[in-house]
Protein backbone atom coordinates (compact mmCIF):
# COMPACT_ATOMS: atom_id res chain seq x y z
CA UNK A 1 -0.27 0.02 0.00
CA UNK A 2 2.73 2.45 0.81
CA UNK A 3 4.65 1.71 -1.91
CA UNK A 4 1.29 2.56 -4.18
CA UNK A 5 0.53 6.31 -2.52
CA UNK A 6 4.48 6.91 -3.12
CA UNK A 7 4.08 5.72 -6.90
CA UNK A 8 1.54 7.98 -7.29
CA UNK A 9 2.28 10.74 -5.08
CA UNK A 10 5.48 9.97 -7.81
CA UNK A 11 3.48 10.35 -10.35
CA UNK A 12 0.94 13.32 -9.87
CA UNK A 13 4.95 15.41 -9.39
CA UNK A 14 5.91 14.15 -12.29
CA UNK A 15 2.49 15.75 -13.91
CA UNK A 16 3.18 19.04 -12.40
CA UNK A 17 6.64 18.97 -13.21
CA UNK A 18 6.16 18.20 -17.25
CA UNK A 19 3.22 20.79 -17.12
CA UNK A 20 5.12 23.63 -17.93
CA UNK A 21 6.11 21.23 -21.51
CA UNK A 22 2.48 19.96 -22.20
CA UNK A 23 -0.40 21.75 -23.67
CA UNK A 24 -2.89 20.97 -21.53
CA UNK A 25 -4.29 19.36 -18.67
CA UNK A 26 -5.43 15.81 -20.57
CA UNK A 27 -1.79 15.57 -21.10
CA UNK A 28 -0.89 15.39 -16.90
CA UNK A 29 -4.18 13.55 -16.63
CA UNK A 30 -2.93 11.45 -19.63
CA UNK A 31 0.44 10.84 -17.54
CA UNK A 32 -1.02 9.82 -14.51
CA UNK A 33 -3.47 6.89 -16.13
CA UNK A 34 -0.24 5.41 -18.47
CA UNK A 35 2.23 5.05 -15.61
CA UNK A 36 -0.59 3.70 -13.10
CA UNK A 37 0.59 0.15 -12.70
CA UNK A 38 4.45 0.56 -12.68
CA UNK A 39 6.28 0.82 -9.49
CA UNK A 40 8.23 3.19 -8.18
CA UNK A 41 11.72 2.17 -10.26
CA UNK A 42 9.81 1.65 -13.57
CA UNK A 43 8.04 4.91 -13.05
CA UNK A 44 11.86 6.92 -12.36
CA UNK A 45 12.76 5.08 -15.63
CA UNK A 46 10.00 6.19 -17.61
CA UNK A 47 10.17 9.53 -16.67
CA UNK A 48 13.78 10.40 -17.43
CA UNK A 49 13.25 8.78 -20.71
CA UNK A 50 10.52 11.77 -21.13
CA UNK A 51 12.37 14.18 -19.51
CA UNK A 52 15.57 12.95 -21.77
CA UNK A 53 17.58 13.65 -18.88
CA UNK A 54 20.80 11.69 -18.93
CA UNK A 55 21.54 11.71 -14.86
CA UNK A 56 25.41 11.32 -14.51
CA UNK A 57 26.51 8.28 -12.69
CA UNK A 58 28.41 7.65 -9.64
CA UNK A 59 31.29 5.33 -8.92
CA UNK A 60 32.40 5.79 -4.97
CA UNK A 61 34.62 3.75 -2.51
CA UNK A 62 34.45 4.54 0.92
CA UNK A 63 36.70 2.66 3.51
CA UNK A 64 34.62 1.70 6.47
CA UNK A 65 36.62 -0.81 8.51
CA UNK A 66 40.21 -2.37 7.72
CA UNK A 67 38.49 -4.68 5.89
CA UNK A 68 35.41 -3.26 4.37
CA UNK A 69 35.34 -1.00 1.70
CA UNK A 70 31.37 -0.12 0.57
CA UNK A 71 30.78 0.73 -2.69
CA UNK A 72 28.52 3.10 -4.88
CA UNK A 73 27.86 2.40 -8.46
CA UNK A 74 24.90 3.13 -10.77
CA UNK A 75 24.55 0.63 -13.73
CA UNK A 76 22.46 -0.03 -16.73
CA UNK A 77 19.75 -2.64 -16.93
CA UNK A 78 21.41 -5.20 -19.14
CA UNK A 79 24.33 -5.24 -15.99
CA UNK A 80 21.52 -6.55 -14.15
CA UNK A 81 20.00 -8.93 -16.52
CA UNK A 82 23.84 -10.29 -16.58
CA UNK A 83 23.22 -10.78 -12.30
CA UNK A 84 20.08 -12.43 -12.68
CA UNK A 85 21.42 -14.78 -15.21
CA UNK A 86 24.05 -15.68 -12.65
CA UNK A 87 22.03 -15.71 -9.99
CA UNK A 88 19.69 -18.08 -11.94
CA UNK A 89 22.96 -20.67 -13.25
CA UNK A 90 24.25 -20.72 -9.50
CA UNK A 91 20.86 -21.72 -8.11
CA UNK A 92 20.41 -18.82 -5.39
CA UNK A 93 18.15 -16.01 -6.03
CA UNK A 94 19.90 -14.18 -3.54
CA UNK A 95 23.44 -13.90 -4.13
CA UNK A 96 25.30 -11.43 -2.65
CA UNK A 97 25.96 -9.10 -5.49
CA UNK A 98 30.13 -8.87 -4.19
CA UNK A 99 30.31 -12.76 -4.98
CA UNK A 100 29.10 -11.93 -8.07
CA UNK A 101 31.71 -10.05 -8.99
CA UNK A 102 34.18 -11.93 -7.26
CA UNK A 103 33.61 -14.47 -9.84
CA UNK A 104 33.87 -12.14 -12.58
CA UNK A 105 36.70 -10.39 -11.96
CA UNK A 106 38.56 -13.84 -10.87
CA UNK A 107 37.33 -15.01 -14.46
CA UNK A 108 38.76 -12.06 -16.31
CA UNK A 109 42.41 -12.38 -14.80
CA UNK A 110 42.23 -16.05 -15.00
CA UNK A 111 41.71 -15.46 -18.38
CA UNK A 112 44.35 -12.60 -19.46
CA UNK A 113 46.56 -13.11 -16.71
CA UNK A 114 49.84 -13.88 -17.94
CA UNK A 115 50.94 -17.62 -17.74
CA UNK A 116 54.29 -18.02 -15.64
CA UNK A 117 57.33 -19.44 -17.60
CA UNK A 118 58.12 -22.91 -17.37
CA UNK A 119 54.71 -24.66 -17.02
CA UNK A 120 53.94 -27.12 -19.57
CA UNK A 121 50.10 -26.31 -20.26
CA UNK A 122 47.10 -27.09 -17.67
CA UNK A 123 49.49 -27.29 -15.05
CA UNK A 124 48.31 -25.28 -11.57
CA UNK A 125 44.75 -25.23 -13.62
CA UNK A 126 41.46 -26.72 -12.50
CA UNK A 127 41.42 -28.94 -15.26
CA UNK A 128 45.20 -30.38 -14.47
CA UNK A 129 44.15 -32.45 -11.19
CA UNK A 130 41.02 -34.56 -11.51
CA UNK A 131 40.92 -36.48 -7.66
CA UNK A 132 39.54 -39.67 -7.77
CA UNK A 133 36.40 -39.20 -5.22
CA UNK A 134 34.67 -41.61 -3.62
CA UNK A 135 31.34 -41.82 -1.89
CA UNK A 136 29.03 -39.07 -3.01
CA UNK A 137 29.49 -36.08 -5.69
CA UNK A 138 27.93 -32.59 -3.93
CA UNK A 139 29.92 -30.30 -6.03
CA UNK A 140 27.55 -29.63 -8.36
CA UNK A 141 27.97 -31.84 -11.47
CA UNK A 142 25.57 -34.33 -10.35
CA UNK A 143 25.16 -33.40 -6.43
CA UNK A 144 23.46 -36.94 -5.92
CA UNK A 145 25.26 -40.12 -7.75
CA UNK A 146 27.07 -43.23 -5.83
CA UNK A 147 30.90 -43.31 -7.07
CA UNK A 148 33.36 -45.76 -7.82
CA UNK A 149 36.64 -45.42 -6.14
CA UNK A 150 38.08 -46.83 -9.66
CA UNK A 151 36.56 -43.98 -11.20
CA UNK A 152 36.45 -40.41 -12.21
CA UNK A 153 33.61 -38.86 -11.83
CA UNK A 154 34.85 -35.78 -14.52
CA UNK A 155 32.38 -34.89 -16.90
CA UNK A 156 34.70 -32.80 -19.56
CA UNK A 157 33.48 -29.59 -20.71
CA UNK A 158 32.80 -30.25 -24.36
CA UNK A 159 30.29 -32.60 -22.81
CA UNK A 160 28.54 -30.04 -20.58
CA UNK A 161 28.94 -27.70 -23.58
CA UNK A 162 26.42 -29.96 -25.72
CA UNK A 163 24.51 -30.86 -22.46
CA UNK A 164 23.26 -27.40 -21.76
CA UNK A 165 22.94 -26.39 -25.22
CA UNK A 166 20.27 -29.49 -25.95
CA UNK A 167 18.61 -28.54 -22.79
CA UNK A 168 18.31 -24.88 -23.48
CA UNK A 169 19.00 -23.11 -20.15
CA UNK A 170 16.04 -25.14 -18.35
CA UNK A 171 15.62 -28.23 -16.57
CA UNK A 172 14.96 -31.31 -18.20
CA UNK A 173 12.80 -32.99 -16.27
CA UNK A 174 10.05 -34.75 -17.41
CA UNK A 175 6.73 -35.80 -14.98
CA UNK A 176 5.88 -39.20 -16.43
CA UNK A 177 2.08 -38.53 -15.27
CA UNK A 178 1.37 -35.36 -17.07
CA UNK A 179 4.62 -35.12 -19.86
CA UNK A 180 4.85 -31.14 -18.48
CA UNK A 181 9.23 -30.08 -18.54
CA UNK A 182 10.03 -28.49 -15.13
CA UNK A 183 11.72 -25.41 -16.86
CA UNK A 184 13.98 -23.94 -13.85
CA UNK A 185 16.53 -22.35 -14.96
CA UNK A 186 18.77 -22.49 -10.87
CA UNK A 187 21.69 -23.82 -10.28
CA UNK A 188 21.23 -26.78 -13.09
CA UNK A 189 23.45 -30.33 -12.56
CA UNK A 190 24.77 -32.87 -14.47
CA UNK A 191 22.32 -35.66 -13.78
CA UNK A 192 22.88 -39.20 -14.61
CA UNK A 193 20.24 -41.22 -16.45
CA UNK A 194 21.98 -44.43 -15.88
CA UNK A 195 23.32 -43.56 -12.62
CA UNK A 196 27.16 -43.07 -12.43
CA UNK A 197 27.93 -45.52 -9.79
CA UNK A 198 26.04 -48.23 -11.89
CA UNK A 199 27.93 -47.80 -14.64
CA UNK A 200 26.53 -44.86 -16.55
CA UNK A 201 28.72 -42.91 -18.54
CA UNK A 202 30.07 -39.31 -18.38
CA UNK A 203 28.47 -38.53 -21.59
CA UNK A 204 26.18 -36.23 -23.28
CA UNK A 205 23.51 -39.10 -24.22
CA UNK A 206 23.64 -40.63 -20.73
CA UNK A 207 23.20 -37.17 -19.01
CA UNK A 208 20.57 -34.54 -18.37
CA UNK A 209 20.63 -30.90 -17.12
CA UNK A 210 18.63 -31.27 -13.98
CA UNK A 211 17.89 -28.39 -11.39
CA UNK A 212 19.09 -29.32 -7.69
CA UNK A 213 15.30 -30.03 -6.43
CA UNK A 214 14.76 -32.54 -9.13
CA UNK A 215 18.02 -34.17 -8.96
CA UNK A 216 18.44 -35.13 -5.01
CA UNK A 217 14.87 -36.73 -6.07
CA UNK A 218 16.44 -38.71 -9.06
CA UNK A 219 19.15 -40.05 -6.42
CA UNK A 220 16.18 -41.29 -3.90
CA UNK A 221 14.86 -43.48 -7.01
CA UNK A 222 17.95 -44.79 -7.87
CA UNK A 223 19.33 -45.34 -4.74
CA UNK A 224 16.68 -45.37 -2.06
CA UNK A 225 15.32 -42.16 0.52
CA UNK A 226 17.60 -44.11 3.53
CA UNK A 227 20.56 -44.14 1.89
CA UNK A 228 20.32 -40.59 0.29
CA UNK A 229 19.73 -38.77 3.13
CA UNK A 230 22.54 -39.17 5.01
CA UNK A 231 24.15 -37.66 2.11
CA UNK A 232 21.73 -34.89 2.17
CA UNK A 233 22.07 -33.53 5.55
CA UNK A 234 25.87 -33.80 5.56
CA UNK A 235 25.00 -31.39 2.21
CA UNK A 236 22.87 -29.35 3.86
């Protein structure tokens, strides 16, 4: 209710502000009606567009403690759209902006930092060492698979790309009764059609992109609730 009142007041004040530029009171009334269902933020962008005013962008850093600096920046809608997409891919709609920035900066540095002389290709990279693990994979590739101690869970990047391309960025789970596809975009993980622990291969044909909820439910179906509950408690 407070937002509605605030929005109406903004629209009313804007109609007065634009009065000098309007030919009649009809235009002012029309403005109020045109923006009736807009949020305060959307209304602000609309009015700036009408007034053709480009607000100055602000970038400010203020040290607030020995370990913290407060950043104030103005960003475009495209920037916020990218932030929302990162949050979807990470499976956390409330992921802090600082975490989004940290990940993006690390990736940029990783791509552009000159490689140290004397290192062979791939040495020291995340993909150079692929430890063979046993137990449950909870790292985001499948989240719910029992692993053999003699097999690597590593899924090649090209296989991941093929699987995500086929899924078109949404969960591939299909309800067996309704035939309806999940369609969630949050935190997609690699799910084996034939479970990894039962001989399933890390191939695009044997992988599906599942959201965390359906990835877990698939593991419960494959291995039983009693076995999986212990792993899920450890992951939570």
